[in-house]
Amino acid sequence: MKIKILEKGEDAVRFILEGVDTAFANALRRTIIGEVPTFAIDEVEFYENDSALFDEIIAHRLAMIPLTTPYDRFELDALEL
């Protein structure tokens, strides 16, 4: 296995990975993505819903909204995981 780093920034790295099969490269990619801290809407309470959509569908759609939050404003150790 050979790794050549092309660019290294504050929040991103570009590299070339050689000498491994695609399954290993994909496993590495999935591990890296899985370690990225993310924010998501986890719980939704409805008090009144007069729409044609069920509460669960609306809650699921809210959970799929990508939330962009400056990571430097939060202590990751203090967040509930």
PDB file of N, CA and C in Angstrom:
ATOM      1  N   MET A   1       0.845  -1.168   0.000  1.00  0.00           N
ATOM      2  CA  MET A   1       0.000   0.000   0.000  1.00  0.00           C
ATOM      3  C   MET A   1       0.893   1.235   0.000  1.00  0.00           C
ATOM      4  N   LYS A   2       0.531   2.203  -0.839  1.00  0.00           N
ATOM      5  CA  LYS A   2       1.289   3.443  -0.947  1.00  0.00           C
ATOM      6  C   LYS A   2       0.300   4.607  -0.925  1.00  0.00           C
ATOM      7  N   ILE A   3       0.578   5.596  -0.086  1.00  0.00           N
ATOM      8  CA  ILE A   3      -0.266   6.784   0.011  1.00  0.00           C
ATOM      9  C   ILE A   3       0.575   7.996  -0.343  1.00  0.00           C
ATOM     10  N   LYS A   4       0.097   8.772  -1.312  1.00  0.00           N
ATOM     11  CA  LYS A   4       0.776  10.008  -1.703  1.00  0.00           C
ATOM     12  C   LYS A   4      -0.175  11.165  -1.415  1.00  0.00           C
ATOM     13  N   ILE A   5       0.223  12.052  -0.513  1.00  0.00           N
ATOM     14  CA  ILE A   5      -0.611  13.195  -0.147  1.00  0.00           C
ATOM     15  C   ILE A   5      -0.402  14.300  -1.170  1.00  0.00           C
ATOM     16  N   LEU A   6      -1.504  14.722  -1.790  1.00  0.00           N
ATOM     17  CA  LEU A   6      -1.453  15.784  -2.794  1.00  0.00           C
ATOM     18  C   LEU A   6      -1.633  17.158  -2.164  1.00  0.00           C
ATOM     19  N   GLU A   7      -2.637  17.287  -1.306  1.00  0.00           N
ATOM     20  CA  GLU A   7      -2.916  18.555  -0.619  1.00  0.00           C
ATOM     21  C   GLU A   7      -3.349  18.243   0.804  1.00  0.00           C
ATOM     22  N   LYS A   8      -2.945  19.094   1.726  1.00  0.00           N
ATOM     23  CA  LYS A   8      -3.358  18.940   3.112  1.00  0.00           C
ATOM     24  C   LYS A   8      -3.767  20.306   3.629  1.00  0.00           C
ATOM     25  N   GLY A   9      -5.048  20.451   3.914  1.00  0.00           N
ATOM     26  CA  GLY A   9      -5.566  21.711   4.416  1.00  0.00           C
ATOM     27  C   GLY A   9      -6.043  21.571   5.847  1.00  0.00           C
ATOM     28  N   GLU A  10      -6.681  22.631   6.330  1.00  0.00           N
ATOM     29  CA  GLU A  10      -7.170  22.635   7.701  1.00  0.00           C
ATOM     30  C   GLU A  10      -8.309  21.641   7.901  1.00  0.00           C
ATOM     31  N   ASP A  11      -9.151  21.496   6.885  1.00  0.00           N
ATOM     32  CA  ASP A  11     -10.298  20.604   7.029  1.00  0.00           C
ATOM     33  C   ASP A  11     -10.448  19.604   5.884  1.00  0.00           C
ATOM     34  N   ALA A  12      -9.421  19.424   5.076  1.00  0.00           N
ATOM     35  CA  ALA A  12      -9.494  18.471   3.964  1.00  0.00           C
ATOM     36  C   ALA A  12      -8.097  17.979   3.594  1.00  0.00           C
ATOM     37  N   VAL A  13      -8.062  16.768   3.073  1.00  0.00           N
ATOM     38  CA  VAL A  13      -6.822  16.169   2.583  1.00  0.00           C
ATOM     39  C   VAL A  13      -7.130  15.474   1.267  1.00  0.00           C
ATOM     40  N   ARG A  14      -6.281  15.692   0.269  1.00  0.00           N
ATOM     41  CA  ARG A  14      -6.390  14.974  -1.006  1.00  0.00           C
ATOM     42  C   ARG A  14      -5.185  14.064  -1.122  1.00  0.00           C
ATOM     43  N   PHE A  15      -5.450  12.791  -1.448  1.00  0.00           N
ATOM     44  CA  PHE A  15      -4.353  11.837  -1.543  1.00  0.00           C
ATOM     45  C   PHE A  15      -4.650  10.786  -2.600  1.00  0.00           C
ATOM     46  N   ILE A  16      -3.592  10.095  -3.009  1.00  0.00           N
ATOM     47  CA  ILE A  16      -3.695   8.972  -3.939  1.00  0.00           C
ATOM     48  C   ILE A  16      -3.327   7.716  -3.164  1.00  0.00           C
ATOM     49  N   LEU A  17      -4.183   6.723  -3.259  1.00  0.00           N
ATOM     50  CA  LEU A  17      -3.982   5.451  -2.579  1.00  0.00           C
ATOM     51  C   LEU A  17      -3.694   4.395  -3.640  1.00  0.00           C
ATOM     52  N   GLU A  18      -2.524   3.775  -3.556  1.00  0.00           N
ATOM     53  CA  GLU A  18      -2.118   2.786  -4.563  1.00  0.00           C
ATOM     54  C   GLU A  18      -1.821   1.445  -3.904  1.00  0.00           C
ATOM     55  N   GLY A  19      -1.998   0.392  -4.681  1.00  0.00           N
ATOM     56  CA  GLY A  19      -1.635  -0.936  -4.209  1.00  0.00           C
ATOM     57  C   GLY A  19      -2.689  -1.626  -3.371  1.00  0.00           C
ATOM     58  N   VAL A  20      -3.927  -1.143  -3.409  1.00  0.00           N
ATOM     59  CA  VAL A  20      -5.019  -1.789  -2.673  1.00  0.00           C
ATOM     60  C   VAL A  20      -6.188  -2.001  -3.629  1.00  0.00           C
ATOM     61  N   ASP A  21      -7.049  -2.952  -3.291  1.00  0.00           N
ATOM     62  CA  ASP A  21      -8.212  -3.167  -4.140  1.00  0.00           C
ATOM     63  C   ASP A  21      -9.317  -2.175  -3.786  1.00  0.00           C
ATOM     64  N   THR A  22     -10.342  -2.128  -4.618  1.00  0.00           N
ATOM     65  CA  THR A  22     -11.410  -1.139  -4.430  1.00  0.00           C
ATOM     66  C   THR A  22     -12.204  -1.378  -3.151  1.00  0.00           C
ATOM     67  N   ALA A  23     -12.318  -2.624  -2.714  1.00  0.00           N
ATOM     68  CA  ALA A  23     -13.057  -2.909  -1.480  1.00  0.00           C
ATOM     69  C   ALA A  23     -12.371  -2.262  -0.278  1.00  0.00           C
ATOM     70  N   PHE A  24     -11.040  -2.344  -0.216  1.00  0.00           N
ATOM     71  CA  PHE A  24     -10.305  -1.715   0.882  1.00  0.00           C
ATOM     72  C   PHE A  24     -10.427  -0.198   0.812  1.00  0.00           C
ATOM     73  N   ALA A  25     -10.288   0.368  -0.389  1.00  0.00           N
ATOM     74  CA  ALA A  25     -10.401   1.818  -0.556  1.00  0.00           C
ATOM     75  C   ALA A  25     -11.793   2.294  -0.151  1.00  0.00           C
ATOM     76  N   ASN A  26     -12.823   1.539  -0.508  1.00  0.00           N
ATOM     77  CA  ASN A  26     -14.183   1.914  -0.136  1.00  0.00           C
ATOM     78  C   ASN A  26     -14.386   1.798   1.372  1.00  0.00           C
ATOM     79  N   ALA A  27     -13.828   0.770   1.997  1.00  0.00           N
ATOM     80  CA  ALA A  27     -13.929   0.630   3.450  1.00  0.00           C
ATOM     81  C   ALA A  27     -13.237   1.791   4.155  1.00  0.00           C
ATOM     82  N   LEU A  28     -12.089   2.207   3.644  1.00  0.00           N
ATOM     83  CA  LEU A  28     -11.379   3.360   4.201  1.00  0.00           C
ATOM     84  C   LEU A  28     -12.208   4.631   4.043  1.00  0.00           C
ATOM     85  N   ARG A  29     -12.801   4.814   2.868  1.00  0.00           N
ATOM     86  CA  ARG A  29     -13.647   5.983   2.611  1.00  0.00           C
ATOM     87  C   ARG A  29     -14.832   6.018   3.571  1.00  0.00           C
ATOM     88  N   ARG A  30     -15.497   4.876   3.751  1.00  0.00           N
ATOM     89  CA  ARG A  30     -16.660   4.821   4.639  1.00  0.00           C
ATOM     90  C   ARG A  30     -16.271   5.080   6.095  1.00  0.00           C
ATOM     91  N   THR A  31     -15.105   4.605   6.507  1.00  0.00           N
ATOM     92  CA  THR A  31     -14.626   4.855   7.864  1.00  0.00           C
ATOM     93  C   THR A  31     -14.345   6.334   8.076  1.00  0.00           C
ATOM     94  N   ILE A  32     -13.710   6.966   7.109  1.00  0.00           N
ATOM     95  CA  ILE A  32     -13.411   8.396   7.211  1.00  0.00           C
ATOM     96  C   ILE A  32     -14.699   9.203   7.282  1.00  0.00           C
ATOM     97  N   ILE A  33     -15.655   8.902   6.420  1.00  0.00           N
ATOM     98  CA  ILE A  33     -16.934   9.622   6.418  1.00  0.00           C
ATOM     99  C   ILE A  33     -17.678   9.402   7.730  1.00  0.00           C
ATOM    100  N   GLY A  34     -17.610   8.188   8.262  1.00  0.00           N
ATOM    101  CA  GLY A  34     -18.300   7.877   9.508  1.00  0.00           C
ATOM    102  C   GLY A  34     -17.751   8.607  10.715  1.00  0.00           C
ATOM    103  N   GLU A  35     -16.511   9.049  10.645  1.00  0.00           N
ATOM    104  CA  GLU A  35     -15.892   9.750  11.766  1.00  0.00           C
ATOM    105  C   GLU A  35     -16.110  11.262  11.725  1.00  0.00           C
ATOM    106  N   VAL A  36     -16.750  11.768  10.688  1.00  0.00           N
ATOM    107  CA  VAL A  36     -17.004  13.201  10.577  1.00  0.00           C
ATOM    108  C   VAL A  36     -18.164  13.567  11.501  1.00  0.00           C
ATOM    109  N   PRO A  37     -17.977  14.518  12.429  1.00  0.00           N
ATOM    110  CA  PRO A  37     -19.073  14.923  13.306  1.00  0.00           C
ATOM    111  C   PRO A  37     -20.196  15.570  12.491  1.00  0.00           C
ATOM    112  N   THR A  38     -21.427  15.164  12.775  1.00  0.00           N
ATOM    113  CA  THR A  38     -22.577  15.706  12.054  1.00  0.00           C
ATOM    114  C   THR A  38     -23.668  16.110  13.029  1.00  0.00           C
ATOM    115  N   PHE A  39     -24.526  16.996  12.569  1.00  0.00           N
ATOM    116  CA  PHE A  39     -25.703  17.403  13.314  1.00  0.00           C
ATOM    117  C   PHE A  39     -26.930  16.953  12.542  1.00  0.00           C
ATOM    118  N   ALA A  40     -27.960  16.541  13.262  1.00  0.00           N
ATOM    119  CA  ALA A  40     -29.198  16.126  12.605  1.00  0.00           C
ATOM    120  C   ALA A  40     -30.370  16.366  13.545  1.00  0.00           C
ATOM    121  N   ILE A  41     -31.537  16.523  12.971  1.00  0.00           N
ATOM    122  CA  ILE A  41     -32.768  16.628  13.754  1.00  0.00           C
ATOM    123  C   ILE A  41     -33.125  15.216  14.187  1.00  0.00           C
ATOM    124  N   ASP A  42     -33.158  14.991  15.490  1.00  0.00           N
ATOM    125  CA  ASP A  42     -33.333  13.641  16.015  1.00  0.00           C
ATOM    126  C   ASP A  42     -34.754  13.397  16.523  1.00  0.00           C
ATOM    127  N   GLU A  43     -35.318  14.363  17.209  1.00  0.00           N
ATOM    128  CA  GLU A  43     -36.656  14.208  17.766  1.00  0.00           C
ATOM    129  C   GLU A  43     -37.527  15.370  17.321  1.00  0.00           C
ATOM    130  N   VAL A  44     -38.773  15.062  16.984  1.00  0.00           N
ATOM    131  CA  VAL A  44     -39.729  16.077  16.555  1.00  0.00           C
ATOM    132  C   VAL A  44     -41.017  15.859  17.334  1.00  0.00           C
ATOM    133  N   GLU A  45     -41.565  16.921  17.904  1.00  0.00           N
ATOM    134  CA  GLU A  45     -42.856  16.842  18.586  1.00  0.00           C
ATOM    135  C   GLU A  45     -43.867  17.651  17.797  1.00  0.00           C
ATOM    136  N   PHE A  46     -44.999  17.052  17.514  1.00  0.00           N
ATOM    137  CA  PHE A  46     -46.077  17.730  16.810  1.00  0.00           C
ATOM    138  C   PHE A  46     -47.191  18.011  17.807  1.00  0.00           C
ATOM    139  N   TYR A  47     -47.672  19.237  17.804  1.00  0.00           N
ATOM    140  CA  TYR A  47     -48.790  19.596  18.659  1.00  0.00           C
ATOM    141  C   TYR A  47     -50.093  19.550  17.875  1.00  0.00           C
ATOM    142  N   GLU A  48     -50.019  19.915  16.605  1.00  0.00           N
ATOM    143  CA  GLU A  48     -51.195  19.834  15.740  1.00  0.00           C
ATOM    144  C   GLU A  48     -50.710  19.739  14.300  1.00  0.00           C
ATOM    145  N   ASN A  49     -51.224  18.773  13.580  1.00  0.00           N
ATOM    146  CA  ASN A  49     -50.830  18.572  12.190  1.00  0.00           C
ATOM    147  C   ASN A  49     -52.093  18.462  11.350  1.00  0.00           C
ATOM    148  N   ASP A  50     -52.389  19.510  10.599  1.00  0.00           N
ATOM    149  CA  ASP A  50     -53.567  19.523   9.735  1.00  0.00           C
ATOM    150  C   ASP A  50     -53.205  19.254   8.283  1.00  0.00           C
ATOM    151  N   SER A  51     -51.968  18.850   8.030  1.00  0.00           N
ATOM    152  CA  SER A  51     -51.533  18.616   6.656  1.00  0.00           C
ATOM    153  C   SER A  51     -51.947  17.217   6.197  1.00  0.00           C
ATOM    154  N   ALA A  52     -51.724  16.952   4.920  1.00  0.00           N
ATOM    155  CA  ALA A  52     -52.049  15.643   4.356  1.00  0.00           C
ATOM    156  C   ALA A  52     -50.974  14.609   4.657  1.00  0.00           C
ATOM    157  N   LEU A  53     -49.853  15.039   5.208  1.00  0.00           N
ATOM    158  CA  LEU A  53     -48.746  14.124   5.500  1.00  0.00           C
ATOM    159  C   LEU A  53     -48.808  13.647   6.947  1.00  0.00           C
ATOM    160  N   PHE A  54     -48.448  12.385   7.153  1.00  0.00           N
ATOM    161  CA  PHE A  54     -48.380  11.849   8.506  1.00  0.00           C
ATOM    162  C   PHE A  54     -47.199  12.472   9.248  1.00  0.00           C
ATOM    163  N   ASP A  55     -47.298  12.502  10.569  1.00  0.00           N
ATOM    164  CA  ASP A  55     -46.235  13.075  11.403  1.00  0.00           C
ATOM    165  C   ASP A  55     -44.885  12.414  11.133  1.00  0.00           C
ATOM    166  N   GLU A  56     -44.892  11.098  10.974  1.00  0.00           N
ATOM    167  CA  GLU A  56     -43.646  10.360  10.767  1.00  0.00           C
ATOM    168  C   GLU A  56     -42.960  10.755   9.469  1.00  0.00           C
ATOM    169  N   ILE A  57     -43.748  11.023   8.436  1.00  0.00           N
ATOM    170  CA  ILE A  57     -43.168  11.424   7.149  1.00  0.00           C
ATOM    171  C   ILE A  57     -42.521  12.798   7.268  1.00  0.00           C
ATOM    172  N   ILE A  58     -43.194  13.715   7.943  1.00  0.00           N
ATOM    173  CA  ILE A  58     -42.634  15.059   8.134  1.00  0.00           C
ATOM    174  C   ILE A  58     -41.360  14.978   8.977  1.00  0.00           C
ATOM    175  N   ALA A  59     -41.380  14.181  10.044  1.00  0.00           N
ATOM    176  CA  ALA A  59     -40.199  14.034  10.895  1.00  0.00           C
ATOM    177  C   ALA A  59     -39.037  13.436  10.107  1.00  0.00           C
ATOM    178  N   HIS A  60     -39.319  12.458   9.261  1.00  0.00           N
ATOM    179  CA  HIS A  60     -38.262  11.851   8.448  1.00  0.00           C
ATOM    180  C   HIS A  60     -37.683  12.862   7.476  1.00  0.00           C
ATOM    181  N   ARG A  61     -38.528  13.671   6.862  1.00  0.00           N
ATOM    182  CA  ARG A  61     -38.036  14.693   5.926  1.00  0.00           C
ATOM    183  C   ARG A  61     -37.189  15.736   6.644  1.00  0.00           C
ATOM    184  N   LEU A  62     -37.578  16.108   7.853  1.00  0.00           N
ATOM    185  CA  LEU A  62     -36.771  17.051   8.630  1.00  0.00           C
ATOM    186  C   LEU A  62     -35.410  16.449   8.972  1.00  0.00           C
ATOM    187  N   ALA A  63     -35.379  15.161   9.263  1.00  0.00           N
ATOM    188  CA  ALA A  63     -34.118  14.499   9.608  1.00  0.00           C
ATOM    189  C   ALA A  63     -33.170  14.430   8.421  1.00  0.00           C
ATOM    190  N   MET A  64     -33.693  14.503   7.206  1.00  0.00           N
ATOM    191  CA  MET A  64     -32.860  14.410   6.006  1.00  0.00           C
ATOM    192  C   MET A  64     -32.284  15.755   5.564  1.00  0.00           C
ATOM    193  N   ILE A  65     -32.656  16.837   6.240  1.00  0.00           N
ATOM    194  CA  ILE A  65     -32.135  18.159   5.893  1.00  0.00           C
ATOM    195  C   ILE A  65     -30.674  18.250   6.334  1.00  0.00           C
ATOM    196  N   PRO A  66     -29.756  18.560   5.421  1.00  0.00           N
ATOM    197  CA  PRO A  66     -28.357  18.715   5.837  1.00  0.00           C
ATOM    198  C   PRO A  66     -28.182  20.004   6.637  1.00  0.00           C
ATOM    199  N   LEU A  67     -27.635  19.881   7.820  1.00  0.00           N
ATOM    200  CA  LEU A  67     -27.421  21.035   8.690  1.00  0.00           C
ATOM    201  C   LEU A  67     -25.951  21.411   8.660  1.00  0.00           C
ATOM    202  N   THR A  68     -25.684  22.645   8.323  1.00  0.00           N
ATOM    203  CA  THR A  68     -24.305  23.130   8.340  1.00  0.00           C
ATOM    204  C   THR A  68     -24.116  23.984   9.585  1.00  0.00           C
ATOM    205  N   THR A  69     -23.169  23.595  10.392  1.00  0.00           N
ATOM    206  CA  THR A  69     -22.910  24.277  11.648  1.00  0.00           C
ATOM    207  C   THR A  69     -21.411  24.437  11.808  1.00  0.00           C
ATOM    208  N   PRO A  70     -20.957  25.624  12.171  1.00  0.00           N
ATOM    209  CA  PRO A  70     -19.523  25.801  12.402  1.00  0.00           C
ATOM    210  C   PRO A  70     -19.064  24.915  13.564  1.00  0.00           C
ATOM    211  N   TYR A  71     -18.160  23.977  13.275  1.00  0.00           N
ATOM    212  CA  TYR A  71     -17.750  23.018  14.297  1.00  0.00           C
ATOM    213  C   TYR A  71     -16.977  23.656  15.432  1.00  0.00           C
ATOM    214  N   ASP A  72     -16.430  24.837  15.207  1.00  0.00           N
ATOM    215  CA  ASP A  72     -15.653  25.481  16.266  1.00  0.00           C
ATOM    216  C   ASP A  72     -16.544  26.114  17.332  1.00  0.00           C
ATOM    217  N   ARG A  73     -17.872  26.134  17.119  1.00  0.00           N
ATOM    218  CA  ARG A  73     -18.790  26.709  18.099  1.00  0.00           C
ATOM    219  C   ARG A  73     -19.276  25.681  19.113  1.00  0.00           C
ATOM    220  N   PHE A  74     -18.884  24.425  18.957  1.00  0.00           N
ATOM    221  CA  PHE A  74     -19.381  23.378  19.830  1.00  0.00           C
ATOM    222  C   PHE A  74     -18.232  22.523  20.330  1.00  0.00           C
ATOM    223  N   GLU A  75     -18.377  22.048  21.559  1.00  0.00           N
ATOM    224  CA  GLU A  75     -17.425  21.085  22.095  1.00  0.00           C
ATOM    225  C   GLU A  75     -17.965  19.707  21.764  1.00  0.00           C
ATOM    226  N   LEU A  76     -17.265  18.978  20.916  1.00  0.00           N
ATOM    227  CA  LEU A  76     -17.771  17.690  20.466  1.00  0.00           C
ATOM    228  C   LEU A  76     -17.875  16.681  21.601  1.00  0.00           C
ATOM    229  N   ASP A  77     -17.036  16.786  22.621  1.00  0.00           N
ATOM    230  CA  ASP A  77     -17.099  15.852  23.742  1.00  0.00           C
ATOM    231  C   ASP A  77     -18.349  16.069  24.584  1.00  0.00           C
ATOM    232  N   ALA A  78     -18.905  17.279  24.559  1.00  0.00           N
ATOM    233  CA  ALA A  78     -20.062  17.591  25.384  1.00  0.00           C
ATOM    234  C   ALA A  78     -21.376  17.218  24.706  1.00  0.00           C
ATOM    235  N   LEU A  79     -21.348  16.895  23.429  1.00  0.00           N
ATOM    236  CA  LEU A  79     -22.569  16.574  22.709  1.00  0.00           C
ATOM    237  C   LEU A  79     -22.994  15.142  22.973  1.00  0.00           C
ATOM    238  N   GLU A  80     -24.303  14.925  22.908  1.00  0.00           N
ATOM    239  CA  GLU A  80     -24.842  13.579  23.076  1.00  0.00           C
ATOM    240  C   GLU A  80     -24.672  12.806  21.783  1.00  0.00           C
ATOM    241  N   LEU A  81     -24.040  11.669  21.863  1.00  0.00           N
ATOM    242  CA  LEU A  81     -23.823  10.838  20.682  1.00  0.00           C
ATOM    243  C   LEU A  81     -24.693   9.612  20.729  1.00  0.00           C
TER     244      LEU A  81
END
